[in-house]
């Protein structure tokens, strides 16, 4: 088994969270399903699945804080900002909100 701080352990956790849960809108329960755990054992038998509690109470809130801090930093550096709201949705009924930095640093 990998230690919690091992690069491979962290990388696999990050991949599961970013792509399967966030990008593909997968349910948090995915990481508890026996078939998925078995699949991950085939991917890397030394990988230890992250717990749903850790994911929901620690990992996702930390990612959210990181995103908010990055957005705050981005906004604080912009001289001008244009906010655009797209009233259209995709097939999953997700609306879009875009920030555009119009600061001209030439």
PDB file of N, CA and C in Angstrom:
ATOM      1  N   UNK A   1       0.843  -1.188   0.000  1.00  0.00           N
ATOM      2  CA  UNK A   1       0.000   0.000   0.000  1.00  0.00           C
ATOM      3  C   UNK A   1       0.886   1.249   0.000  1.00  0.00           C
ATOM      4  N   UNK A   2       0.412   2.253  -0.742  1.00  0.00           N
ATOM      5  CA  UNK A   2       1.116   3.530  -0.758  1.00  0.00           C
ATOM      6  C   UNK A   2       0.822   4.288   0.528  1.00  0.00           C
ATOM      7  N   UNK A   3       1.774   5.111   0.942  1.00  0.00           N
ATOM      8  CA  UNK A   3       1.510   6.008   2.067  1.00  0.00           C
ATOM      9  C   UNK A   3       0.589   7.119   1.571  1.00  0.00           C
ATOM     10  N   UNK A   4      -0.125   7.783   2.475  1.00  0.00           N
ATOM     11  CA  UNK A   4      -1.048   8.846   2.048  1.00  0.00           C
ATOM     12  C   UNK A   4      -0.362   9.984   1.283  1.00  0.00           C
ATOM     13  N   UNK A   5       0.938  10.177   1.521  1.00  0.00           N
ATOM     14  CA  UNK A   5       1.659  11.265   0.868  1.00  0.00           C
ATOM     15  C   UNK A   5       2.450  10.818  -0.355  1.00  0.00           C
ATOM     16  N   UNK A   6       2.323   9.561  -0.734  1.00  0.00           N
ATOM     17  CA  UNK A   6       3.061   9.038  -1.887  1.00  0.00           C
ATOM     18  C   UNK A   6       2.517   9.696  -3.168  1.00  0.00           C
ATOM     19  N   UNK A   7       3.399  10.048  -4.079  1.00  0.00           N
ATOM     20  CA  UNK A   7       3.016  10.750  -5.311  1.00  0.00           C
ATOM     21  C   UNK A   7       1.984   9.965  -6.121  1.00  0.00           C
ATOM     22  N   UNK A   8       2.138   8.654  -6.208  1.00  0.00           N
ATOM     23  CA  UNK A   8       1.197   7.833  -6.986  1.00  0.00           C
ATOM     24  C   UNK A   8      -0.189   7.828  -6.330  1.00  0.00           C
ATOM     25  N   UNK A   9      -0.250   7.719  -5.005  1.00  0.00           N
ATOM     26  CA  UNK A   9      -1.513   7.742  -4.264  1.00  0.00           C
ATOM     27  C   UNK A   9      -2.223   9.076  -4.501  1.00  0.00           C
ATOM     28  N   UNK A  10      -1.495  10.162  -4.352  1.00  0.00           N
ATOM     29  CA  UNK A  10      -2.056  11.495  -4.542  1.00  0.00           C
ATOM     30  C   UNK A  10      -2.518  11.684  -5.987  1.00  0.00           C
ATOM     31  N   UNK A  11      -1.722  11.227  -6.933  1.00  0.00           N
ATOM     32  CA  UNK A  11      -2.065  11.371  -8.342  1.00  0.00           C
ATOM     33  C   UNK A  11      -3.329  10.629  -8.724  1.00  0.00           C
ATOM     34  N   UNK A  12      -3.480   9.396  -8.248  1.00  0.00           N
ATOM     35  CA  UNK A  12      -4.691   8.626  -8.561  1.00  0.00           C
ATOM     36  C   UNK A  12      -5.926   9.245  -7.908  1.00  0.00           C
ATOM     37  N   UNK A  13      -5.788   9.689  -6.660  1.00  0.00           N
ATOM     38  CA  UNK A  13      -6.911  10.356  -5.991  1.00  0.00           C
ATOM     39  C   UNK A  13      -7.329  11.598  -6.773  1.00  0.00           C
ATOM     40  N   UNK A  14      -6.351  12.397  -7.168  1.00  0.00           N
ATOM     41  CA  UNK A  14      -6.612  13.627  -7.909  1.00  0.00           C
ATOM     42  C   UNK A  14      -7.312  13.322  -9.235  1.00  0.00           C
ATOM     43  N   UNK A  15      -6.865  12.287  -9.916  1.00  0.00           N
ATOM     44  CA  UNK A  15      -7.465  11.907 -11.192  1.00  0.00           C
ATOM     45  C   UNK A  15      -8.918  11.477 -11.011  1.00  0.00           C
ATOM     46  N   UNK A  16      -9.193  10.673 -10.014  1.00  0.00           N
ATOM     47  CA  UNK A  16     -10.563  10.229  -9.735  1.00  0.00           C
ATOM     48  C   UNK A  16     -11.458  11.426  -9.442  1.00  0.00           C
ATOM     49  N   UNK A  17     -10.977  12.322  -8.603  1.00  0.00           N
ATOM     50  CA  UNK A  17     -11.777  13.483  -8.204  1.00  0.00           C
ATOM     51  C   UNK A  17     -12.002  14.431  -9.378  1.00  0.00           C
ATOM     52  N   UNK A  18     -10.922  14.788 -10.066  1.00  0.00           N
ATOM     53  CA  UNK A  18     -11.031  15.786 -11.138  1.00  0.00           C
ATOM     54  C   UNK A  18     -11.833  15.285 -12.338  1.00  0.00           C
ATOM     55  N   UNK A  19     -11.568  14.064 -12.758  1.00  0.00           N
ATOM     56  CA  UNK A  19     -12.199  13.593 -13.986  1.00  0.00           C
ATOM     57  C   UNK A  19     -13.500  12.840 -13.773  1.00  0.00           C
ATOM     58  N   UNK A  20     -13.524  11.908 -12.853  1.00  0.00           N
ATOM     59  CA  UNK A  20     -14.734  11.098 -12.685  1.00  0.00           C
ATOM     60  C   UNK A  20     -15.820  11.817 -11.891  1.00  0.00           C
ATOM     61  N   UNK A  21     -15.427  12.537 -10.859  1.00  0.00           N
ATOM     62  CA  UNK A  21     -16.439  13.168 -10.010  1.00  0.00           C
ATOM     63  C   UNK A  21     -16.775  14.584 -10.484  1.00  0.00           C
ATOM     64  N   UNK A  22     -15.754  15.396 -10.764  1.00  0.00           N
ATOM     65  CA  UNK A  22     -16.027  16.782 -11.154  1.00  0.00           C
ATOM     66  C   UNK A  22     -16.377  16.890 -12.637  1.00  0.00           C
ATOM     67  N   UNK A  23     -15.484  16.470 -13.515  1.00  0.00           N
ATOM     68  CA  UNK A  23     -15.707  16.642 -14.958  1.00  0.00           C
ATOM     69  C   UNK A  23     -16.887  15.829 -15.489  1.00  0.00           C
ATOM     70  N   UNK A  24     -17.019  14.596 -15.041  1.00  0.00           N
ATOM     71  CA  UNK A  24     -18.103  13.744 -15.528  1.00  0.00           C
ATOM     72  C   UNK A  24     -19.335  13.775 -14.627  1.00  0.00           C
ATOM     73  N   UNK A  25     -19.292  14.611 -13.594  1.00  0.00           N
ATOM     74  CA  UNK A  25     -20.408  14.746 -12.645  1.00  0.00           C
ATOM     75  C   UNK A  25     -20.795  13.408 -12.024  1.00  0.00           C
ATOM     76  N   UNK A  26     -19.799  12.606 -11.719  1.00  0.00           N
ATOM     77  CA  UNK A  26     -20.058  11.316 -11.090  1.00  0.00           C
ATOM     78  C   UNK A  26     -20.471  11.487  -9.641  1.00  0.00           C
ATOM     79  N   UNK A  27     -21.256  10.573  -9.120  1.00  0.00           N
ATOM     80  CA  UNK A  27     -21.690  10.671  -7.724  1.00  0.00           C
ATOM     81  C   UNK A  27     -20.531  10.361  -6.775  1.00  0.00           C
ATOM     82  N   UNK A  28     -20.573  10.958  -5.600  1.00  0.00           N
ATOM     83  CA  UNK A  28     -19.542  10.691  -4.600  1.00  0.00           C
ATOM     84  C   UNK A  28     -19.553   9.220  -4.190  1.00  0.00           C
ATOM     85  N   UNK A  29     -20.703   8.596  -4.301  1.00  0.00           N
ATOM     86  CA  UNK A  29     -20.821   7.185  -3.917  1.00  0.00           C
ATOM     87  C   UNK A  29     -20.016   6.264  -4.831  1.00  0.00           C
ATOM     88  N   UNK A  30     -19.567   6.776  -5.973  1.00  0.00           N
ATOM     89  CA  UNK A  30     -18.772   5.974  -6.903  1.00  0.00           C
ATOM     90  C   UNK A  30     -17.583   5.326  -6.212  1.00  0.00           C
ATOM     91  N   UNK A  31     -16.926   6.073  -5.340  1.00  0.00           N
ATOM     92  CA  UNK A  31     -15.706   5.558  -4.712  1.00  0.00           C
ATOM     93  C   UNK A  31     -15.979   4.468  -3.685  1.00  0.00           C
ATOM     94  N   UNK A  32     -17.247   4.258  -3.346  1.00  0.00           N
ATOM     95  CA  UNK A  32     -17.614   3.200  -2.406  1.00  0.00           C
ATOM     96  C   UNK A  32     -18.126   1.940  -3.098  1.00  0.00           C
ATOM     97  N   UNK A  33     -18.353   2.019  -4.372  1.00  0.00           N
ATOM     98  CA  UNK A  33     -18.927   0.875  -5.093  1.00  0.00           C
ATOM     99  C   UNK A  33     -17.888  -0.233  -5.262  1.00  0.00           C
ATOM    100  N   UNK A  34     -18.261  -1.459  -4.923  1.00  0.00           N
ATOM    101  CA  UNK A  34     -17.323  -2.583  -5.013  1.00  0.00           C
ATOM    102  C   UNK A  34     -16.707  -2.756  -6.395  1.00  0.00           C
ATOM    103  N   UNK A  35     -17.477  -2.554  -7.444  1.00  0.00           N
ATOM    104  CA  UNK A  35     -16.947  -2.719  -8.801  1.00  0.00           C
ATOM    105  C   UNK A  35     -15.874  -1.678  -9.095  1.00  0.00           C
ATOM    106  N   UNK A  36     -16.069  -0.450  -8.616  1.00  0.00           N
ATOM    107  CA  UNK A  36     -15.070   0.591  -8.840  1.00  0.00           C
ATOM    108  C   UNK A  36     -13.819   0.324  -8.017  1.00  0.00           C
ATOM    109  N   UNK A  37     -13.986  -0.123  -6.805  1.00  0.00           N
ATOM    110  CA  UNK A  37     -12.833  -0.454  -5.955  1.00  0.00           C
ATOM    111  C   UNK A  37     -12.041  -1.588  -6.595  1.00  0.00           C
ATOM    112  N   UNK A  38     -12.741  -2.585  -7.102  1.00  0.00           N
ATOM    113  CA  UNK A  38     -12.087  -3.709  -7.782  1.00  0.00           C
ATOM    114  C   UNK A  38     -11.354  -3.217  -9.027  1.00  0.00           C
ATOM    115  N   UNK A  39     -11.987  -2.331  -9.792  1.00  0.00           N
ATOM    116  CA  UNK A  39     -11.350  -1.752 -10.965  1.00  0.00           C
ATOM    117  C   UNK A  39     -10.051  -1.040 -10.582  1.00  0.00           C
ATOM    118  N   UNK A  40     -10.107  -0.249  -9.523  1.00  0.00           N
ATOM    119  CA  UNK A  40      -8.909   0.495  -9.100  1.00  0.00           C
ATOM    120  C   UNK A  40      -7.817  -0.452  -8.611  1.00  0.00           C
ATOM    121  N   UNK A  41      -8.184  -1.597  -8.073  1.00  0.00           N
ATOM    122  CA  UNK A  41      -7.181  -2.595  -7.682  1.00  0.00           C
ATOM    123  C   UNK A  41      -6.471  -3.146  -8.909  1.00  0.00           C
ATOM    124  N   UNK A  42      -7.182  -3.235 -10.030  1.00  0.00           N
ATOM    125  CA  UNK A  42      -6.554  -3.655 -11.281  1.00  0.00           C
ATOM    126  C   UNK A  42      -5.665  -2.560 -11.848  1.00  0.00           C
ATOM    127  N   UNK A  43      -6.067  -1.331 -11.661  1.00  0.00           N
ATOM    128  CA  UNK A  43      -5.257  -0.198 -12.136  1.00  0.00           C
ATOM    129  C   UNK A  43      -3.943  -0.158 -11.378  1.00  0.00           C
ATOM    130  N   UNK A  44      -4.031  -0.238 -10.051  1.00  0.00           N
ATOM    131  CA  UNK A  44      -2.833  -0.215  -9.205  1.00  0.00           C
ATOM    132  C   UNK A  44      -3.175  -0.886  -7.881  1.00  0.00           C
ATOM    133  N   UNK A  45      -2.641  -2.055  -7.672  1.00  0.00           N
ATOM    134  CA  UNK A  45      -2.986  -2.844  -6.477  1.00  0.00           C
ATOM    135  C   UNK A  45      -2.498  -2.211  -5.178  1.00  0.00           C
ATOM    136  N   UNK A  46      -1.590  -1.251  -5.260  1.00  0.00           N
ATOM    137  CA  UNK A  46      -1.094  -0.586  -4.049  1.00  0.00           C
ATOM    138  C   UNK A  46      -1.913   0.641  -3.660  1.00  0.00           C
ATOM    139  N   UNK A  47      -2.834   1.038  -4.530  1.00  0.00           N
ATOM    140  CA  UNK A  47      -3.658   2.223  -4.274  1.00  0.00           C
ATOM    141  C   UNK A  47      -4.697   1.927  -3.209  1.00  0.00           C
ATOM    142  N   UNK A  48      -4.877   2.872  -2.283  1.00  0.00           N
ATOM    143  CA  UNK A  48      -5.911   2.778  -1.256  1.00  0.00           C
ATOM    144  C   UNK A  48      -6.981   3.814  -1.578  1.00  0.00           C
ATOM    145  N   UNK A  49      -8.225   3.367  -1.713  1.00  0.00           N
ATOM    146  CA  UNK A  49      -9.312   4.264  -2.072  1.00  0.00           C
ATOM    147  C   UNK A  49      -9.535   5.303  -0.985  1.00  0.00           C
ATOM    148  N   UNK A  50      -9.725   6.538  -1.406  1.00  0.00           N
ATOM    149  CA  UNK A  50     -10.053   7.623  -0.487  1.00  0.00           C
ATOM    150  C   UNK A  50     -11.458   7.373   0.065  1.00  0.00           C
ATOM    151  N   UNK A  51     -11.689   7.748   1.300  1.00  0.00           N
ATOM    152  CA  UNK A  51     -13.025   7.536   1.871  1.00  0.00           C
ATOM    153  C   UNK A  51     -13.969   8.645   1.427  1.00  0.00           C
ATOM    154  N   UNK A  52     -15.235   8.317   1.391  1.00  0.00           N
ATOM    155  CA  UNK A  52     -16.248   9.304   0.991  1.00  0.00           C
ATOM    156  C   UNK A  52     -16.276  10.460   1.982  1.00  0.00           C
ATOM    157  N   UNK A  53     -16.074  10.158   3.232  1.00  0.00           N
ATOM    158  CA  UNK A  53     -16.060  11.204   4.278  1.00  0.00           C
ATOM    159  C   UNK A  53     -14.905  12.177   4.049  1.00  0.00           C
ATOM    160  N   UNK A  54     -13.723  11.649   3.786  1.00  0.00           N
ATOM    161  CA  UNK A  54     -12.569  12.508   3.512  1.00  0.00           C
ATOM    162  C   UNK A  54     -12.818  13.333   2.259  1.00  0.00           C
ATOM    163  N   UNK A  55     -13.371  12.702   1.243  1.00  0.00           N
ATOM    164  CA  UNK A  55     -13.660  13.395  -0.007  1.00  0.00           C
ATOM    165  C   UNK A  55     -14.622  14.557   0.223  1.00  0.00           C
ATOM    166  N   UNK A  56     -15.717  14.298   0.924  1.00  0.00           N
ATOM    167  CA  UNK A  56     -16.741  15.328   1.090  1.00  0.00           C
ATOM    168  C   UNK A  56     -16.427  16.353   2.175  1.00  0.00           C
ATOM    169  N   UNK A  57     -15.675  15.958   3.190  1.00  0.00           N
ATOM    170  CA  UNK A  57     -15.402  16.872   4.311  1.00  0.00           C
ATOM    171  C   UNK A  57     -14.063  17.596   4.202  1.00  0.00           C
ATOM    172  N   UNK A  58     -13.134  17.048   3.434  1.00  0.00           N
ATOM    173  CA  UNK A  58     -11.806  17.650   3.365  1.00  0.00           C
ATOM    174  C   UNK A  58     -11.385  17.986   1.942  1.00  0.00           C
ATOM    175  N   UNK A  59     -11.349  16.998   1.076  1.00  0.00           N
ATOM    176  CA  UNK A  59     -10.786  17.180  -0.258  1.00  0.00           C
ATOM    177  C   UNK A  59     -11.579  18.182  -1.097  1.00  0.00           C
ATOM    178  N   UNK A  60     -12.871  17.991  -1.234  1.00  0.00           N
ATOM    179  CA  UNK A  60     -13.684  18.905  -2.040  1.00  0.00           C
ATOM    180  C   UNK A  60     -13.727  20.319  -1.454  1.00  0.00           C
ATOM    181  N   UNK A  61     -13.883  20.491  -0.130  1.00  0.00           N
ATOM    182  CA  UNK A  61     -13.814  21.854   0.415  1.00  0.00           C
ATOM    183  C   UNK A  61     -12.451  22.521   0.168  1.00  0.00           C
ATOM    184  N   UNK A  62     -11.372  21.750   0.229  1.00  0.00           N
ATOM    185  CA  UNK A  62     -10.053  22.321  -0.053  1.00  0.00           C
ATOM    186  C   UNK A  62      -9.935  22.753  -1.509  1.00  0.00           C
ATOM    187  N   UNK A  63     -10.454  21.938  -2.426  1.00  0.00           N
ATOM    188  CA  UNK A  63     -10.449  22.312  -3.841  1.00  0.00           C
ATOM    189  C   UNK A  63     -11.298  23.556  -4.078  1.00  0.00           C
ATOM    190  N   UNK A  64     -12.426  23.641  -3.414  1.00  0.00           N
ATOM    191  CA  UNK A  64     -13.294  24.810  -3.533  1.00  0.00           C
ATOM    192  C   UNK A  64     -12.569  26.060  -3.035  1.00  0.00           C
ATOM    193  N   UNK A  65     -11.916  25.968  -1.880  1.00  0.00           N
ATOM    194  CA  UNK A  65     -11.172  27.109  -1.333  1.00  0.00           C
ATOM    195  C   UNK A  65     -10.055  27.535  -2.277  1.00  0.00           C
ATOM    196  N   UNK A  66      -9.364  26.568  -2.851  1.00  0.00           N
ATOM    197  CA  UNK A  66      -8.291  26.869  -3.802  1.00  0.00           C
ATOM    198  C   UNK A  66      -8.850  27.601  -5.027  1.00  0.00           C
ATOM    199  N   UNK A  67     -10.000  27.157  -5.520  1.00  0.00           N
ATOM    200  CA  UNK A  67     -10.622  27.794  -6.670  1.00  0.00           C
ATOM    201  C   UNK A  67     -11.057  29.216  -6.327  1.00  0.00           C
ATOM    202  N   UNK A  68     -11.670  29.407  -5.174  1.00  0.00           N
ATOM    203  CA  UNK A  68     -12.117  30.737  -4.759  1.00  0.00           C
ATOM    204  C   UNK A  68     -10.918  31.669  -4.584  1.00  0.00           C
ATOM    205  N   UNK A  69      -9.839  31.179  -3.983  1.00  0.00           N
ATOM    206  CA  UNK A  69      -8.631  31.994  -3.807  1.00  0.00           C
ATOM    207  C   UNK A  69      -8.037  32.387  -5.152  1.00  0.00           C
ATOM    208  N   UNK A  70      -8.004  31.449  -6.095  1.00  0.00           N
ATOM    209  CA  UNK A  70      -7.496  31.753  -7.432  1.00  0.00           C
ATOM    210  C   UNK A  70      -8.365  32.776  -8.143  1.00  0.00           C
ATOM    211  N   UNK A  71      -9.670  32.637  -8.011  1.00  0.00           N
ATOM    212  CA  UNK A  71     -10.599  33.581  -8.626  1.00  0.00           C
ATOM    213  C   UNK A  71     -10.461  34.964  -7.980  1.00  0.00           C
ATOM    214  N   UNK A  72     -10.319  35.004  -6.670  1.00  0.00           N
ATOM    215  CA  UNK A  72     -10.129  36.268  -5.958  1.00  0.00           C
ATOM    216  C   UNK A  72      -8.841  36.949  -6.405  1.00  0.00           C
ATOM    217  N   UNK A  73      -7.781  36.175  -6.529  1.00  0.00           N
ATOM    218  CA  UNK A  73      -6.501  36.711  -6.991  1.00  0.00           C
ATOM    219  C   UNK A  73      -6.620  37.236  -8.413  1.00  0.00           C
ATOM    220  N   UNK A  74      -7.262  36.477  -9.277  1.00  0.00           N
ATOM    221  CA  UNK A  74      -7.466  36.883 -10.666  1.00  0.00           C
ATOM    222  C   UNK A  74      -8.241  38.203 -10.725  1.00  0.00           C
ATOM    223  N   UNK A  75      -9.303  38.283  -9.960  1.00  0.00           N
ATOM    224  CA  UNK A  75     -10.140  39.487  -9.970  1.00  0.00           C
ATOM    225  C   UNK A  75      -9.407  40.695  -9.392  1.00  0.00           C
ATOM    226  N   UNK A  76      -8.582  40.479  -8.383  1.00  0.00           N
ATOM    227  CA  UNK A  76      -7.880  41.609  -7.764  1.00  0.00           C
ATOM    228  C   UNK A  76      -6.801  42.196  -8.676  1.00  0.00           C
ATOM    229  N   UNK A  77      -6.290  41.430  -9.637  1.00  0.00           N
ATOM    230  CA  UNK A  77      -5.261  41.914 -10.550  1.00  0.00           C
ATOM    231  C   UNK A  77      -5.844  42.594 -11.783  1.00  0.00           C
ATOM    232  N   UNK A  78      -7.102  42.387 -12.047  1.00  0.00           N
ATOM    233  CA  UNK A  78      -7.711  42.955 -13.244  1.00  0.00           C
ATOM    234  C   UNK A  78      -8.073  44.417 -13.026  1.00  0.00           C
ATOM    235  N   UNK A  79      -7.750  45.256 -14.003  1.00  0.00           N
ATOM    236  CA  UNK A  79      -8.121  46.664 -13.954  1.00  0.00           C
ATOM    237  C   UNK A  79      -9.582  46.820 -14.341  1.00  0.00           C
ATOM    238  N   UNK A  80      -9.976  46.087 -15.358  1.00  0.00           N
ATOM    239  CA  UNK A  80     -11.360  46.089 -15.826  1.00  0.00           C
ATOM    240  C   UNK A  80     -11.816  44.651 -15.927  1.00  0.00           C
ATOM    241  N   UNK A  81     -13.084  44.460 -15.725  1.00  0.00           N
ATOM    242  CA  UNK A  81     -13.612  43.116 -15.817  1.00  0.00           C
ATOM    243  C   UNK A  81     -14.958  43.138 -16.515  1.00  0.00           C
ATOM    244  N   UNK A  82     -15.136  42.194 -17.400  1.00  0.00           N
ATOM    245  CA  UNK A  82     -16.427  42.033 -18.056  1.00  0.00           C
ATOM    246  C   UNK A  82     -17.042  40.739 -17.558  1.00  0.00           C
ATOM    247  N   UNK A  83     -18.259  40.812 -17.133  1.00  0.00           N
ATOM    248  CA  UNK A  83     -18.971  39.624 -16.692  1.00  0.00           C
ATOM    249  C   UNK A  83     -19.996  39.269 -17.748  1.00  0.00           C
ATOM    250  N   UNK A  84     -20.007  38.013 -18.119  1.00  0.00           N
ATOM    251  CA  UNK A  84     -20.932  37.552 -19.134  1.00  0.00           C
ATOM    252  C   UNK A  84     -21.748  36.401 -18.570  1.00  0.00           C
ATOM    253  N   UNK A  85     -23.036  36.478 -18.726  1.00  0.00           N
ATOM    254  CA  UNK A  85     -23.905  35.394 -18.282  1.00  0.00           C
ATOM    255  C   UNK A  85     -24.561  34.796 -19.509  1.00  0.00           C
ATOM    256  N   UNK A  86     -24.345  33.531 -19.694  1.00  0.00           N
ATOM    257  CA  UNK A  86     -24.958  32.821 -20.811  1.00  0.00           C
ATOM    258  C   UNK A  86     -26.215  32.144 -20.279  1.00  0.00           C
ATOM    259  N   UNK A  87     -27.354  32.514 -20.820  1.00  0.00           N
ATOM    260  CA  UNK A  87     -28.610  31.963 -20.332  1.00  0.00           C
ATOM    261  C   UNK A  87     -28.911  30.584 -20.915  1.00  0.00           C
ATOM    262  N   UNK A  88     -28.050  30.114 -21.781  1.00  0.00           N
ATOM    263  CA  UNK A  88     -28.230  28.790 -22.365  1.00  0.00           C
ATOM    264  C   UNK A  88     -27.666  27.739 -21.430  1.00  0.00           C
ATOM    265  N   UNK A  89     -28.172  26.538 -21.560  1.00  0.00           N
ATOM    266  CA  UNK A  89     -27.686  25.431 -20.752  1.00  0.00           C
ATOM    267  C   UNK A  89     -27.290  24.278 -21.658  1.00  0.00           C
ATOM    268  N   UNK A  90     -26.462  23.385 -21.105  1.00  0.00           N
ATOM    269  CA  UNK A  90     -26.104  22.185 -21.852  1.00  0.00           C
ATOM    270  C   UNK A  90     -27.144  21.102 -21.580  1.00  0.00           C
ATOM    271  N   UNK A  91     -26.875  19.910 -22.036  1.00  0.00           N
ATOM    272  CA  UNK A  91     -27.840  18.812 -21.872  1.00  0.00           C
ATOM    273  C   UNK A  91     -28.123  18.468 -20.421  1.00  0.00           C
ATOM    274  N   UNK A  92     -27.162  18.786 -19.553  1.00  0.00           N
ATOM    275  CA  UNK A  92     -27.343  18.501 -18.124  1.00  0.00           C
ATOM    276  C   UNK A  92     -27.951  19.685 -17.380  1.00  0.00           C
ATOM    277  N   UNK A  93     -28.415  20.659 -18.134  1.00  0.00           N
ATOM    278  CA  UNK A  93     -29.033  21.859 -17.577  1.00  0.00           C
ATOM    279  C   UNK A  93     -28.057  22.709 -16.763  1.00  0.00           C
ATOM    280  N   UNK A  94     -26.772  22.683 -17.137  1.00  0.00           N
ATOM    281  CA  UNK A  94     -25.774  23.522 -16.479  1.00  0.00           C
ATOM    282  C   UNK A  94     -25.701  24.862 -17.206  1.00  0.00           C
ATOM    283  N   UNK A  95     -25.812  25.948 -16.453  1.00  0.00           N
ATOM    284  CA  UNK A  95     -25.692  27.290 -17.021  1.00  0.00           C
ATOM    285  C   UNK A  95     -24.209  27.668 -17.026  1.00  0.00           C
ATOM    286  N   UNK A  96     -23.894  28.702 -17.771  1.00  0.00           N
ATOM    287  CA  UNK A  96     -22.500  29.114 -17.896  1.00  0.00           C
ATOM    288  C   UNK A  96     -22.305  30.544 -17.436  1.00  0.00           C
ATOM    289  N   UNK A  97     -21.206  30.784 -16.763  1.00  0.00           N
ATOM    290  CA  UNK A  97     -20.817  32.100 -16.267  1.00  0.00           C
ATOM    291  C   UNK A  97     -19.351  32.271 -16.607  1.00  0.00           C
ATOM    292  N   UNK A  98     -19.020  33.344 -17.283  1.00  0.00           N
ATOM    293  CA  UNK A  98     -17.639  33.537 -17.721  1.00  0.00           C
ATOM    294  C   UNK A  98     -17.095  34.857 -17.203  1.00  0.00           C
ATOM    295  N   UNK A  99     -15.823  34.854 -16.816  1.00  0.00           N
ATOM    296  CA  UNK A  99     -15.112  36.074 -16.428  1.00  0.00           C
ATOM    297  C   UNK A  99     -14.052  36.331 -17.470  1.00  0.00           C
ATOM    298  N   UNK A 100     -13.949  37.571 -17.902  1.00  0.00           N
ATOM    299  CA  UNK A 100     -12.958  37.923 -18.896  1.00  0.00           C
ATOM    300  C   UNK A 100     -12.131  39.086 -18.367  1.00  0.00           C
ATOM    301  N   UNK A 101     -10.819  38.906 -18.310  1.00  0.00           N
ATOM    302  CA  UNK A 101      -9.918  39.972 -17.878  1.00  0.00           C
ATOM    303  C   UNK A 101      -9.648  40.842 -19.105  1.00  0.00           C
ATOM    304  N   UNK A 102     -10.074  42.087 -19.031  1.00  0.00           N
ATOM    305  CA  UNK A 102      -9.862  43.002 -20.154  1.00  0.00           C
ATOM    306  C   UNK A 102      -8.711  43.964 -19.872  1.00  0.00           C
ATOM    307  N   UNK A 103      -7.895  43.631 -18.905  1.00  0.00           N
ATOM    308  CA  UNK A 103      -6.730  44.455 -18.571  1.00  0.00           C
ATOM    309  C   UNK A 103      -5.736  44.379 -19.715  1.00  0.00           C
ATOM    310  N   UNK A 104      -5.379  45.529 -20.274  1.00  0.00           N
ATOM    311  CA  UNK A 104      -4.448  45.573 -21.407  1.00  0.00           C
ATOM    312  C   UNK A 104      -3.060  45.911 -20.885  1.00  0.00           C
ATOM    313  N   UNK A 105      -2.209  44.914 -20.751  1.00  0.00           N
ATOM    314  CA  UNK A 105      -0.852  45.096 -20.222  1.00  0.00           C
ATOM    315  C   UNK A 105       0.188  45.181 -21.319  1.00  0.00           C
ATOM    316  N   UNK A 106      -0.033  45.958 -22.353  1.00  0.00           N
ATOM    317  CA  UNK A 106       0.911  46.062 -23.454  1.00  0.00           C
ATOM    318  C   UNK A 106       1.962  47.095 -23.194  1.00  0.00           C
TER     319      UNK A 106
END
